[in-house]
C-alpha cells in the first residue's frame, strides 16, 4: 500500500514529513486552496530524495502553466483535480506520471472513467465537494465495488487515524494507495508528524 501525503508547503515541515519516507508528497498549485504553494522558492523541493515522488496538484489549469511548474519544481507527477479531458491528461504522460482525480458521491458514474483508462497512470477517488479536495469528509467506500477497470487508484477524502483500519476491508485489486491530508494537520498545510507516524504504522501493519 503506497502512502501519499498531500498539501505541504512549509520548509521545515516538508523536511519532517520527508523523514517519514512517504511514497508520494503532494504540493498544491491551485491558488484558491489554503495549501497553495505560491511563493515557494524554485529550489525548495530539489533535495527531496529521488525515491519520493513529488506531485504537483492542479485544478483546471492551462497547459503552459502546468509545464512551467513541472520544470520549476521538478515534479515527477501531476495530479489533475478538475474537469480535465482525457486528451489533456495524455499530453503529459511522456513527461511525468499522471494522476487523474475524481470527486465521488453516491451518484458517481464509474463508466466515465473508461475514456481515461489510457490517459492516466493512476486515478484518485476523493469525496465530491465544491472545494476540489481537502474537505476532510469521507464518501461511502462500498461504491468502489462499481469500479471495474485496472488502472490503480488512490483513496482520498477524510482519511484519519479513526478510519485507517477500515481501509483494510477494501479488497479491490486496483487499490494502490492512500492520500493523507487535512486530518493530519495542525493547521492548513502544517502536517502533524506524530499523527502521520501513527498512520504510516497502521497502513504498513499486516
N, C-alpha and C. Protein backbone atom coordinates (compact mmCIF):
# COMPACT_ATOMS: atom_id res chain seq x y z
N UNK A 1 0.83 -1.19 0.00
CA UNK A 1 0.00 0.00 0.00
C UNK A 1 0.87 1.25 0.00
N UNK A 2 0.72 2.08 -1.02
CA UNK A 2 1.52 3.31 -1.12
C UNK A 2 0.88 4.41 -0.25
N UNK A 3 1.73 5.32 0.21
CA UNK A 3 1.27 6.43 1.05
C UNK A 3 1.65 7.75 0.39
N UNK A 4 0.64 8.59 0.19
CA UNK A 4 0.85 9.93 -0.34
C UNK A 4 0.43 10.93 0.73
N UNK A 5 1.31 11.86 1.05
CA UNK A 5 0.97 12.96 1.96
C UNK A 5 0.83 14.20 1.10
N UNK A 6 -0.33 14.82 1.14
CA UNK A 6 -0.62 15.92 0.22
C UNK A 6 -0.85 17.23 0.97
N UNK A 7 -0.55 18.33 0.28
CA UNK A 7 -0.84 19.64 0.84
C UNK A 7 0.25 20.20 1.71
N UNK A 8 1.50 20.00 1.31
CA UNK A 8 2.65 20.52 2.07
C UNK A 8 3.09 21.85 1.48
N UNK A 9 3.63 22.72 2.34
CA UNK A 9 4.21 23.96 1.79
C UNK A 9 5.26 24.63 2.67
N UNK A 10 5.46 24.16 3.90
CA UNK A 10 6.41 24.81 4.80
C UNK A 10 7.72 24.02 4.85
N UNK A 11 8.83 24.74 4.67
CA UNK A 11 10.14 24.11 4.52
C UNK A 11 10.45 23.08 5.61
N UNK A 12 10.40 23.48 6.87
CA UNK A 12 10.77 22.56 7.95
C UNK A 12 9.80 21.39 8.03
N UNK A 13 8.54 21.66 7.78
CA UNK A 13 7.52 20.62 7.82
C UNK A 13 7.71 19.62 6.67
N UNK A 14 8.08 20.14 5.51
CA UNK A 14 8.38 19.27 4.36
C UNK A 14 9.52 18.32 4.73
N UNK A 15 10.56 18.85 5.36
CA UNK A 15 11.70 18.02 5.76
C UNK A 15 11.28 16.97 6.79
N UNK A 16 10.42 17.35 7.72
CA UNK A 16 9.98 16.41 8.75
C UNK A 16 9.15 15.28 8.15
N UNK A 17 8.29 15.61 7.20
CA UNK A 17 7.48 14.59 6.54
C UNK A 17 8.36 13.73 5.64
N UNK A 18 9.28 14.35 4.97
CA UNK A 18 10.23 13.63 4.11
C UNK A 18 10.94 12.53 4.90
N UNK A 19 11.28 12.83 6.15
CA UNK A 19 11.99 11.87 7.00
C UNK A 19 11.16 10.62 7.30
N UNK A 20 9.85 10.71 7.14
CA UNK A 20 8.97 9.56 7.35
C UNK A 20 8.95 8.63 6.14
N UNK A 21 9.54 9.07 5.05
CA UNK A 21 9.66 8.28 3.81
C UNK A 21 8.31 7.89 3.21
N UNK A 22 7.44 8.88 2.94
CA UNK A 22 6.23 8.55 2.17
C UNK A 22 6.62 8.18 0.74
N UNK A 23 5.71 7.56 0.04
CA UNK A 23 5.99 7.21 -1.36
C UNK A 23 5.77 8.42 -2.28
N UNK A 24 4.82 9.26 -1.92
CA UNK A 24 4.47 10.45 -2.70
C UNK A 24 4.30 11.63 -1.75
N UNK A 25 4.71 12.82 -2.20
CA UNK A 25 4.44 14.06 -1.49
C UNK A 25 3.77 15.02 -2.46
N UNK A 26 2.63 15.58 -2.05
CA UNK A 26 1.85 16.42 -2.93
C UNK A 26 1.93 17.90 -2.58
N UNK A 27 2.02 18.73 -3.63
CA UNK A 27 2.16 20.18 -3.47
C UNK A 27 1.10 20.86 -4.33
N UNK A 28 0.26 21.65 -3.69
CA UNK A 28 -0.94 22.16 -4.35
C UNK A 28 -0.67 23.47 -5.08
N UNK A 29 -0.88 23.43 -6.39
CA UNK A 29 -0.63 24.56 -7.28
C UNK A 29 -1.96 25.17 -7.71
N UNK A 30 -2.84 25.36 -6.77
CA UNK A 30 -4.19 25.87 -7.01
C UNK A 30 -4.41 27.03 -6.06
N UNK A 31 -4.49 28.24 -6.61
CA UNK A 31 -4.44 29.45 -5.78
C UNK A 31 -5.58 29.56 -4.78
N UNK A 32 -6.70 28.90 -5.03
CA UNK A 32 -7.83 29.01 -4.12
C UNK A 32 -7.74 28.07 -2.92
N UNK A 33 -6.71 27.25 -2.89
CA UNK A 33 -6.54 26.33 -1.76
C UNK A 33 -5.73 26.99 -0.65
N UNK A 34 -6.09 26.74 0.63
CA UNK A 34 -5.27 27.26 1.73
C UNK A 34 -3.90 26.60 1.79
N UNK A 35 -3.70 25.56 1.00
CA UNK A 35 -2.42 24.86 0.97
C UNK A 35 -1.61 25.21 -0.28
N UNK A 36 -2.00 26.27 -0.95
CA UNK A 36 -1.33 26.73 -2.18
C UNK A 36 0.13 27.05 -1.91
N UNK A 37 1.01 26.57 -2.80
CA UNK A 37 2.46 26.76 -2.60
C UNK A 37 2.97 28.05 -3.23
N UNK A 38 2.12 28.97 -3.59
CA UNK A 38 2.55 30.23 -4.19
C UNK A 38 3.65 30.90 -3.39
N UNK A 39 4.70 31.31 -4.08
CA UNK A 39 5.80 31.97 -3.40
C UNK A 39 6.91 31.03 -2.94
N UNK A 40 6.68 29.73 -3.06
CA UNK A 40 7.73 28.78 -2.67
C UNK A 40 8.94 28.95 -3.60
N UNK A 41 10.13 28.92 -3.03
CA UNK A 41 11.35 29.10 -3.81
C UNK A 41 11.51 28.00 -4.85
N UNK A 42 12.13 28.35 -5.98
CA UNK A 42 12.30 27.41 -7.09
C UNK A 42 13.03 26.14 -6.66
N UNK A 43 13.99 26.27 -5.75
CA UNK A 43 14.80 25.12 -5.37
C UNK A 43 14.33 24.44 -4.09
N UNK A 44 13.12 24.79 -3.63
CA UNK A 44 12.61 24.28 -2.35
C UNK A 44 12.53 22.76 -2.32
N UNK A 45 12.17 22.15 -3.42
CA UNK A 45 11.91 20.71 -3.44
C UNK A 45 13.05 19.91 -4.06
N UNK A 46 14.11 20.58 -4.43
CA UNK A 46 15.14 19.92 -5.23
C UNK A 46 15.87 18.82 -4.46
N UNK A 47 15.95 18.94 -3.14
CA UNK A 47 16.72 17.97 -2.36
C UNK A 47 15.88 16.84 -1.78
N UNK A 48 14.61 16.80 -2.12
CA UNK A 48 13.79 15.67 -1.69
C UNK A 48 14.33 14.40 -2.34
N UNK A 49 14.50 13.33 -1.58
CA UNK A 49 15.08 12.10 -2.16
C UNK A 49 14.35 11.64 -3.41
N UNK A 50 15.09 11.10 -4.34
CA UNK A 50 14.51 10.73 -5.63
C UNK A 50 13.52 9.57 -5.52
N UNK A 51 13.56 8.82 -4.42
CA UNK A 51 12.60 7.72 -4.29
C UNK A 51 11.25 8.20 -3.75
N UNK A 52 11.13 9.48 -3.43
CA UNK A 52 9.84 10.07 -3.08
C UNK A 52 9.33 10.82 -4.31
N UNK A 53 8.16 10.47 -4.78
CA UNK A 53 7.62 11.07 -5.99
C UNK A 53 6.94 12.39 -5.64
N UNK A 54 7.42 13.47 -6.24
CA UNK A 54 6.90 14.82 -5.99
C UNK A 54 5.73 15.08 -6.94
N UNK A 55 4.58 15.40 -6.39
CA UNK A 55 3.35 15.56 -7.18
C UNK A 55 2.87 17.01 -7.13
N UNK A 56 2.69 17.61 -8.29
CA UNK A 56 2.06 18.92 -8.38
C UNK A 56 0.57 18.74 -8.60
N UNK A 57 -0.25 19.39 -7.78
CA UNK A 57 -1.70 19.22 -7.86
C UNK A 57 -2.32 20.46 -8.51
N UNK A 58 -3.08 20.24 -9.57
CA UNK A 58 -3.65 21.33 -10.36
C UNK A 58 -5.16 21.15 -10.52
N UNK A 59 -5.86 22.28 -10.65
CA UNK A 59 -7.32 22.26 -10.88
C UNK A 59 -7.63 23.14 -12.08
N UNK A 60 -7.97 22.51 -13.20
CA UNK A 60 -8.37 23.23 -14.41
C UNK A 60 -7.36 24.31 -14.80
N UNK A 61 -6.07 23.99 -14.67
CA UNK A 61 -5.00 24.93 -15.02
C UNK A 61 -4.69 24.79 -16.51
N UNK A 62 -4.16 25.86 -17.10
CA UNK A 62 -3.81 25.78 -18.52
C UNK A 62 -2.50 25.02 -18.69
N UNK A 63 -2.35 24.46 -19.88
CA UNK A 63 -1.23 23.56 -20.15
C UNK A 63 0.13 24.24 -19.98
N UNK A 64 0.24 25.48 -20.42
CA UNK A 64 1.52 26.18 -20.33
C UNK A 64 1.93 26.37 -18.87
N UNK A 65 0.98 26.74 -18.02
CA UNK A 65 1.28 26.95 -16.60
C UNK A 65 1.72 25.65 -15.94
N UNK A 66 1.06 24.56 -16.28
CA UNK A 66 1.44 23.26 -15.72
C UNK A 66 2.86 22.90 -16.13
N UNK A 67 3.17 23.07 -17.40
CA UNK A 67 4.52 22.75 -17.89
C UNK A 67 5.58 23.58 -17.19
N UNK A 68 5.29 24.85 -16.96
CA UNK A 68 6.25 25.72 -16.27
C UNK A 68 6.46 25.27 -14.83
N UNK A 69 5.39 24.83 -14.16
CA UNK A 69 5.51 24.39 -12.77
C UNK A 69 6.24 23.06 -12.67
N UNK A 70 6.01 22.17 -13.64
CA UNK A 70 6.76 20.91 -13.67
C UNK A 70 8.26 21.21 -13.76
N UNK A 71 8.62 22.13 -14.64
CA UNK A 71 10.03 22.48 -14.83
C UNK A 71 10.60 23.19 -13.59
N UNK A 72 9.81 24.12 -13.04
CA UNK A 72 10.28 24.92 -11.90
C UNK A 72 10.56 24.06 -10.67
N UNK A 73 9.65 23.14 -10.36
CA UNK A 73 9.77 22.37 -9.12
C UNK A 73 10.22 20.92 -9.36
N UNK A 74 10.49 20.58 -10.60
CA UNK A 74 10.97 19.23 -10.94
C UNK A 74 9.98 18.17 -10.44
N UNK A 75 8.71 18.41 -10.69
CA UNK A 75 7.70 17.43 -10.30
C UNK A 75 7.91 16.13 -11.07
N UNK A 76 7.67 15.02 -10.39
CA UNK A 76 7.73 13.69 -11.01
C UNK A 76 6.35 13.23 -11.48
N UNK A 77 5.32 13.87 -10.94
CA UNK A 77 3.94 13.50 -11.27
C UNK A 77 3.07 14.74 -11.15
N UNK A 78 1.94 14.71 -11.85
CA UNK A 78 0.93 15.75 -11.67
C UNK A 78 -0.39 15.09 -11.34
N UNK A 79 -1.15 15.75 -10.50
CA UNK A 79 -2.50 15.31 -10.14
C UNK A 79 -3.48 16.35 -10.66
N UNK A 80 -4.37 15.92 -11.53
CA UNK A 80 -5.32 16.83 -12.16
C UNK A 80 -6.67 16.65 -11.50
N UNK A 81 -7.10 17.70 -10.81
CA UNK A 81 -8.22 17.59 -9.87
C UNK A 81 -9.47 18.31 -10.36
N UNK A 82 -9.47 18.73 -11.64
CA UNK A 82 -10.62 19.45 -12.16
C UNK A 82 -11.36 18.63 -13.21
N UNK A 83 -11.81 19.30 -14.25
CA UNK A 83 -12.58 18.63 -15.31
C UNK A 83 -11.72 18.40 -16.55
N UNK A 84 -10.45 18.13 -16.35
CA UNK A 84 -9.52 17.94 -17.46
C UNK A 84 -9.94 16.74 -18.31
N UNK A 85 -9.81 16.89 -19.62
CA UNK A 85 -10.22 15.85 -20.57
C UNK A 85 -9.16 14.75 -20.64
N UNK A 86 -9.54 13.58 -21.18
CA UNK A 86 -8.52 12.54 -21.40
C UNK A 86 -7.38 13.03 -22.27
N UNK A 87 -7.70 13.82 -23.30
CA UNK A 87 -6.67 14.33 -24.20
C UNK A 87 -5.70 15.24 -23.46
N UNK A 88 -6.22 16.04 -22.55
CA UNK A 88 -5.38 16.94 -21.75
C UNK A 88 -4.44 16.12 -20.86
N UNK A 89 -4.98 15.11 -20.20
CA UNK A 89 -4.16 14.26 -19.34
C UNK A 89 -3.04 13.59 -20.13
N UNK A 90 -3.39 13.14 -21.33
CA UNK A 90 -2.46 12.35 -22.14
C UNK A 90 -1.25 13.18 -22.60
N UNK A 91 -1.41 14.49 -22.65
CA UNK A 91 -0.31 15.35 -23.11
C UNK A 91 0.93 15.23 -22.24
N UNK A 92 0.76 14.83 -20.98
CA UNK A 92 1.87 14.86 -20.03
C UNK A 92 2.49 13.50 -19.75
N UNK A 93 1.91 12.45 -20.28
CA UNK A 93 2.35 11.12 -19.87
C UNK A 93 3.75 10.77 -20.35
N UNK A 94 4.25 11.47 -21.36
CA UNK A 94 5.63 11.26 -21.80
C UNK A 94 6.63 11.91 -20.85
N UNK A 95 6.13 12.79 -19.98
CA UNK A 95 6.99 13.63 -19.15
C UNK A 95 6.95 13.28 -17.67
N UNK A 96 5.76 13.02 -17.14
CA UNK A 96 5.56 12.74 -15.72
C UNK A 96 4.46 11.69 -15.56
N UNK A 97 4.34 11.14 -14.37
CA UNK A 97 3.18 10.31 -14.05
C UNK A 97 1.95 11.21 -13.97
N UNK A 98 0.81 10.68 -14.39
CA UNK A 98 -0.43 11.46 -14.35
C UNK A 98 -1.43 10.76 -13.43
N UNK A 99 -1.89 11.50 -12.42
CA UNK A 99 -2.94 11.04 -11.52
C UNK A 99 -4.18 11.87 -11.82
N UNK A 100 -5.25 11.25 -12.26
CA UNK A 100 -6.50 11.97 -12.52
C UNK A 100 -7.45 11.75 -11.36
N UNK A 101 -7.83 12.85 -10.72
CA UNK A 101 -8.69 12.78 -9.55
C UNK A 101 -10.16 12.98 -9.93
N UNK A 102 -11.03 12.30 -9.20
CA UNK A 102 -12.47 12.41 -9.40
C UNK A 102 -13.16 12.55 -8.05
N UNK A 103 -14.10 13.48 -7.99
CA UNK A 103 -14.93 13.62 -6.80
C UNK A 103 -16.06 12.61 -6.84
N UNK A 104 -16.16 11.80 -5.79
CA UNK A 104 -17.10 10.68 -5.77
C UNK A 104 -18.21 10.93 -4.74
N UNK A 105 -19.43 10.67 -5.17
CA UNK A 105 -20.56 10.62 -4.24
C UNK A 105 -21.42 9.43 -4.62
N UNK A 106 -22.61 9.30 -4.01
CA UNK A 106 -23.43 8.11 -4.26
C UNK A 106 -23.94 8.02 -5.69
N UNK A 107 -23.88 9.14 -6.43
CA UNK A 107 -24.36 9.15 -7.81
C UNK A 107 -23.22 9.08 -8.84
N UNK A 108 -22.02 8.84 -8.38
CA UNK A 108 -20.88 8.85 -9.29
C UNK A 108 -21.01 7.73 -10.33
N UNK A 109 -20.74 8.06 -11.59
CA UNK A 109 -20.84 7.11 -12.69
C UNK A 109 -19.43 6.65 -13.08
N UNK A 110 -19.07 5.46 -12.67
CA UNK A 110 -17.74 4.95 -12.96
C UNK A 110 -17.52 4.70 -14.45
N UNK A 111 -18.58 4.65 -15.23
CA UNK A 111 -18.44 4.43 -16.67
C UNK A 111 -17.65 5.55 -17.34
N UNK A 112 -17.69 6.75 -16.75
CA UNK A 112 -16.97 7.88 -17.35
C UNK A 112 -15.45 7.67 -17.33
N UNK A 113 -14.97 6.76 -16.50
CA UNK A 113 -13.54 6.53 -16.39
C UNK A 113 -12.98 5.77 -17.58
N UNK A 114 -13.84 5.11 -18.32
CA UNK A 114 -13.40 4.35 -19.49
C UNK A 114 -12.59 5.24 -20.44
N UNK A 115 -13.03 6.48 -20.61
CA UNK A 115 -12.36 7.40 -21.53
C UNK A 115 -10.94 7.75 -21.07
N UNK A 116 -10.67 7.56 -19.77
CA UNK A 116 -9.37 7.94 -19.21
C UNK A 116 -8.43 6.74 -19.02
N UNK A 117 -8.86 5.57 -19.38
CA UNK A 117 -8.09 4.37 -19.00
C UNK A 117 -6.69 4.36 -19.60
N UNK A 118 -6.51 5.00 -20.77
CA UNK A 118 -5.19 5.06 -21.39
C UNK A 118 -4.55 6.45 -21.30
N UNK A 119 -5.14 7.32 -20.48
CA UNK A 119 -4.66 8.70 -20.38
C UNK A 119 -4.13 9.05 -19.00
N UNK A 120 -4.23 8.13 -18.05
CA UNK A 120 -3.77 8.38 -16.69
C UNK A 120 -3.07 7.14 -16.16
N UNK A 121 -2.02 7.36 -15.39
CA UNK A 121 -1.32 6.25 -14.75
C UNK A 121 -2.06 5.76 -13.53
N UNK A 122 -2.73 6.70 -12.85
CA UNK A 122 -3.49 6.38 -11.65
C UNK A 122 -4.75 7.24 -11.61
N UNK A 123 -5.76 6.74 -10.93
CA UNK A 123 -6.91 7.55 -10.56
C UNK A 123 -6.81 7.85 -9.06
N UNK A 124 -7.48 8.92 -8.66
CA UNK A 124 -7.62 9.24 -7.24
C UNK A 124 -9.09 9.51 -6.99
N UNK A 125 -9.66 8.79 -6.05
CA UNK A 125 -11.08 8.95 -5.72
C UNK A 125 -11.19 9.72 -4.42
N UNK A 126 -11.74 10.92 -4.52
CA UNK A 126 -11.89 11.83 -3.40
C UNK A 126 -13.38 12.07 -3.16
N UNK A 127 -13.71 12.64 -2.04
CA UNK A 127 -15.10 12.99 -1.77
C UNK A 127 -15.51 14.19 -2.61
N UNK A 128 -16.63 14.10 -3.27
CA UNK A 128 -17.10 15.21 -4.11
C UNK A 128 -17.53 16.39 -3.25
N UNK A 129 -16.85 17.52 -3.44
CA UNK A 129 -17.19 18.76 -2.74
C UNK A 129 -16.91 19.91 -3.70
N UNK A 130 -17.41 21.11 -3.39
CA UNK A 130 -17.12 22.26 -4.25
C UNK A 130 -15.68 22.74 -4.18
N UNK A 131 -14.90 22.25 -3.20
CA UNK A 131 -13.58 22.83 -2.96
C UNK A 131 -12.43 22.00 -3.54
N UNK A 132 -12.73 20.96 -4.31
CA UNK A 132 -11.68 20.17 -5.00
C UNK A 132 -10.68 19.56 -4.03
N UNK A 133 -11.18 18.90 -2.99
CA UNK A 133 -10.28 18.18 -2.09
C UNK A 133 -9.98 18.93 -0.82
N UNK A 134 -9.37 18.20 0.13
CA UNK A 134 -9.00 18.79 1.42
C UNK A 134 -10.18 19.07 2.32
N UNK A 135 -11.32 18.40 2.05
CA UNK A 135 -12.55 18.68 2.82
C UNK A 135 -12.58 17.96 4.15
N UNK A 136 -11.81 16.87 4.28
CA UNK A 136 -11.86 16.09 5.49
C UNK A 136 -13.09 15.21 5.61
N UNK A 137 -13.82 15.06 4.51
CA UNK A 137 -15.07 14.29 4.50
C UNK A 137 -14.87 13.00 3.71
N UNK A 138 -15.39 11.90 4.24
CA UNK A 138 -15.29 10.62 3.54
C UNK A 138 -16.51 10.40 2.65
N UNK A 139 -16.38 9.48 1.70
CA UNK A 139 -17.54 9.01 0.95
C UNK A 139 -17.74 7.53 1.28
N UNK A 140 -18.85 6.97 0.82
CA UNK A 140 -19.16 5.57 1.09
C UNK A 140 -18.25 4.68 0.25
N UNK A 141 -17.28 4.03 0.89
CA UNK A 141 -16.29 3.25 0.16
C UNK A 141 -16.88 2.02 -0.51
N UNK A 142 -18.07 1.62 -0.13
CA UNK A 142 -18.71 0.46 -0.78
C UNK A 142 -18.91 0.69 -2.27
N UNK A 143 -19.02 1.97 -2.65
CA UNK A 143 -19.25 2.29 -4.06
C UNK A 143 -18.05 1.90 -4.93
N UNK A 144 -16.90 1.72 -4.32
CA UNK A 144 -15.71 1.34 -5.09
C UNK A 144 -15.88 -0.02 -5.76
N UNK A 145 -16.80 -0.84 -5.29
CA UNK A 145 -17.07 -2.13 -5.92
C UNK A 145 -17.57 -1.96 -7.36
N UNK A 146 -18.05 -0.75 -7.68
CA UNK A 146 -18.55 -0.50 -9.03
C UNK A 146 -17.41 -0.18 -10.01
N UNK A 147 -16.22 0.00 -9.50
CA UNK A 147 -15.08 0.32 -10.37
C UNK A 147 -14.54 -0.97 -10.98
N UNK A 148 -14.56 -1.05 -12.30
CA UNK A 148 -14.22 -2.30 -12.99
C UNK A 148 -12.94 -2.25 -13.80
N UNK A 149 -12.27 -1.11 -13.87
CA UNK A 149 -11.05 -1.00 -14.66
C UNK A 149 -9.84 -1.48 -13.85
N UNK A 150 -8.70 -1.52 -14.54
CA UNK A 150 -7.48 -2.00 -13.89
C UNK A 150 -6.50 -0.87 -13.57
N UNK A 151 -6.86 0.36 -13.90
CA UNK A 151 -5.99 1.49 -13.56
C UNK A 151 -5.92 1.59 -12.03
N UNK A 152 -4.72 1.56 -11.44
CA UNK A 152 -4.61 1.62 -9.98
C UNK A 152 -5.16 2.94 -9.44
N UNK A 153 -5.72 2.91 -8.23
CA UNK A 153 -6.28 4.14 -7.67
C UNK A 153 -5.82 4.41 -6.24
N UNK A 154 -5.73 5.71 -5.95
CA UNK A 154 -5.54 6.19 -4.59
C UNK A 154 -6.91 6.48 -3.97
N UNK A 155 -7.01 6.27 -2.68
CA UNK A 155 -8.21 6.63 -1.93
C UNK A 155 -7.92 7.89 -1.13
N UNK A 156 -8.80 8.88 -1.26
CA UNK A 156 -8.64 10.15 -0.58
C UNK A 156 -9.97 10.54 0.05
N UNK A 157 -9.95 11.62 0.80
CA UNK A 157 -11.19 12.15 1.36
C UNK A 157 -11.43 11.73 2.79
N UNK A 158 -10.97 12.53 3.74
CA UNK A 158 -11.30 12.30 5.15
C UNK A 158 -10.62 11.12 5.81
N UNK A 159 -9.52 10.63 5.23
CA UNK A 159 -8.80 9.54 5.89
C UNK A 159 -8.19 10.08 7.18
N UNK A 160 -8.32 9.29 8.25
CA UNK A 160 -7.86 9.73 9.56
C UNK A 160 -7.41 8.52 10.37
N UNK A 161 -6.85 8.78 11.55
CA UNK A 161 -6.45 7.68 12.42
C UNK A 161 -7.66 6.85 12.85
N UNK A 162 -8.83 7.47 12.82
CA UNK A 162 -10.05 6.77 13.25
C UNK A 162 -10.58 5.78 12.22
N UNK A 163 -10.23 5.98 10.95
CA UNK A 163 -10.81 5.08 9.94
C UNK A 163 -9.78 4.34 9.09
N UNK A 164 -8.50 4.51 9.37
CA UNK A 164 -7.50 3.83 8.55
C UNK A 164 -7.58 2.31 8.67
N UNK A 165 -7.99 1.82 9.82
CA UNK A 165 -8.14 0.36 9.95
C UNK A 165 -9.21 -0.15 9.00
N UNK A 166 -10.21 0.70 8.72
CA UNK A 166 -11.32 0.28 7.86
C UNK A 166 -10.87 0.06 6.42
N UNK A 167 -9.81 0.75 6.01
CA UNK A 167 -9.40 0.59 4.61
C UNK A 167 -8.92 -0.84 4.32
N UNK A 168 -8.54 -1.54 5.38
CA UNK A 168 -8.08 -2.92 5.17
C UNK A 168 -9.21 -3.85 4.75
N UNK A 169 -10.43 -3.36 4.89
CA UNK A 169 -11.58 -4.14 4.44
C UNK A 169 -11.83 -3.96 2.94
N UNK A 170 -11.15 -2.98 2.34
CA UNK A 170 -11.29 -2.75 0.90
C UNK A 170 -10.38 -3.74 0.18
N UNK A 171 -10.98 -4.63 -0.57
CA UNK A 171 -10.21 -5.71 -1.20
C UNK A 171 -10.09 -5.53 -2.72
N UNK A 172 -10.45 -4.36 -3.21
CA UNK A 172 -10.39 -4.13 -4.65
C UNK A 172 -8.97 -4.33 -5.16
N UNK A 173 -8.78 -5.12 -6.23
CA UNK A 173 -7.41 -5.41 -6.70
C UNK A 173 -6.65 -4.20 -7.23
N UNK A 174 -7.37 -3.13 -7.60
CA UNK A 174 -6.69 -1.93 -8.13
C UNK A 174 -6.39 -0.89 -7.04
N UNK A 175 -6.74 -1.19 -5.79
CA UNK A 175 -6.49 -0.24 -4.70
C UNK A 175 -4.99 -0.14 -4.47
N UNK A 176 -4.44 1.04 -4.75
CA UNK A 176 -2.99 1.22 -4.82
C UNK A 176 -2.40 1.98 -3.64
N UNK A 177 -3.13 3.01 -3.16
CA UNK A 177 -2.54 3.84 -2.12
C UNK A 177 -3.55 4.73 -1.43
N UNK A 178 -3.10 5.32 -0.33
CA UNK A 178 -3.93 6.26 0.43
C UNK A 178 -3.34 7.65 0.34
N UNK A 179 -4.20 8.63 0.38
CA UNK A 179 -3.82 10.04 0.28
C UNK A 179 -4.18 10.73 1.60
N UNK A 180 -3.17 11.15 2.35
CA UNK A 180 -3.38 11.73 3.68
C UNK A 180 -3.21 13.23 3.62
N UNK A 181 -4.19 13.96 4.15
CA UNK A 181 -4.12 15.41 4.05
C UNK A 181 -4.69 16.06 5.31
N UNK A 182 -5.92 16.54 5.23
CA UNK A 182 -6.41 17.51 6.22
C UNK A 182 -6.58 16.94 7.63
N UNK A 183 -6.80 15.65 7.77
CA UNK A 183 -6.98 15.07 9.11
C UNK A 183 -5.64 14.84 9.81
N UNK A 184 -4.57 15.21 9.16
CA UNK A 184 -3.23 15.04 9.73
C UNK A 184 -2.51 16.39 9.80
N UNK A 185 -3.27 17.43 10.14
CA UNK A 185 -2.73 18.78 10.16
C UNK A 185 -2.94 19.46 11.51
N UNK A 186 -1.99 20.32 11.85
CA UNK A 186 -2.14 21.24 12.98
C UNK A 186 -2.87 22.50 12.52
N UNK A 187 -2.65 22.86 11.25
CA UNK A 187 -3.34 23.96 10.57
C UNK A 187 -3.15 23.69 9.08
N UNK A 188 -3.89 24.37 8.20
CA UNK A 188 -3.76 24.05 6.77
C UNK A 188 -2.31 24.06 6.28
N UNK A 189 -1.90 22.92 5.72
CA UNK A 189 -0.57 22.68 5.14
C UNK A 189 0.51 22.37 6.18
N UNK A 190 0.21 22.50 7.47
CA UNK A 190 1.19 22.16 8.51
C UNK A 190 0.85 20.78 9.06
N UNK A 191 1.62 19.78 8.65
CA UNK A 191 1.29 18.40 9.00
C UNK A 191 1.75 18.05 10.41
N UNK A 192 0.94 17.22 11.06
CA UNK A 192 1.24 16.70 12.39
C UNK A 192 2.02 15.41 12.20
N UNK A 193 3.33 15.47 12.39
CA UNK A 193 4.16 14.30 12.09
C UNK A 193 3.92 13.16 13.08
N UNK A 194 3.47 13.46 14.29
CA UNK A 194 3.14 12.39 15.23
C UNK A 194 1.95 11.58 14.72
N UNK A 195 0.93 12.28 14.25
CA UNK A 195 -0.23 11.58 13.68
C UNK A 195 0.16 10.82 12.42
N UNK A 196 0.99 11.44 11.60
CA UNK A 196 1.41 10.75 10.37
C UNK A 196 2.21 9.50 10.68
N UNK A 197 3.07 9.56 11.69
CA UNK A 197 3.85 8.37 12.08
C UNK A 197 2.91 7.23 12.46
N UNK A 198 1.89 7.54 13.25
CA UNK A 198 0.91 6.52 13.64
C UNK A 198 0.16 6.00 12.41
N UNK A 199 -0.17 6.91 11.48
CA UNK A 199 -0.87 6.50 10.27
C UNK A 199 -0.01 5.57 9.42
N UNK A 200 1.26 5.91 9.26
CA UNK A 200 2.17 5.07 8.48
C UNK A 200 2.23 3.67 9.08
N UNK A 201 2.31 3.59 10.41
CA UNK A 201 2.38 2.31 11.08
C UNK A 201 1.11 1.50 10.86
N UNK A 202 -0.03 2.17 10.90
CA UNK A 202 -1.30 1.48 10.67
C UNK A 202 -1.39 0.93 9.24
N UNK A 203 -1.01 1.78 8.29
CA UNK A 203 -1.12 1.36 6.89
C UNK A 203 -0.17 0.22 6.56
N UNK A 204 1.02 0.27 7.15
CA UNK A 204 2.03 -0.74 6.81
C UNK A 204 1.92 -2.02 7.62
N UNK A 205 1.13 -1.98 8.70
CA UNK A 205 0.95 -3.17 9.52
C UNK A 205 0.19 -4.24 8.75
N UNK A 206 0.59 -5.47 8.94
CA UNK A 206 -0.09 -6.58 8.25
C UNK A 206 -1.46 -6.84 8.91
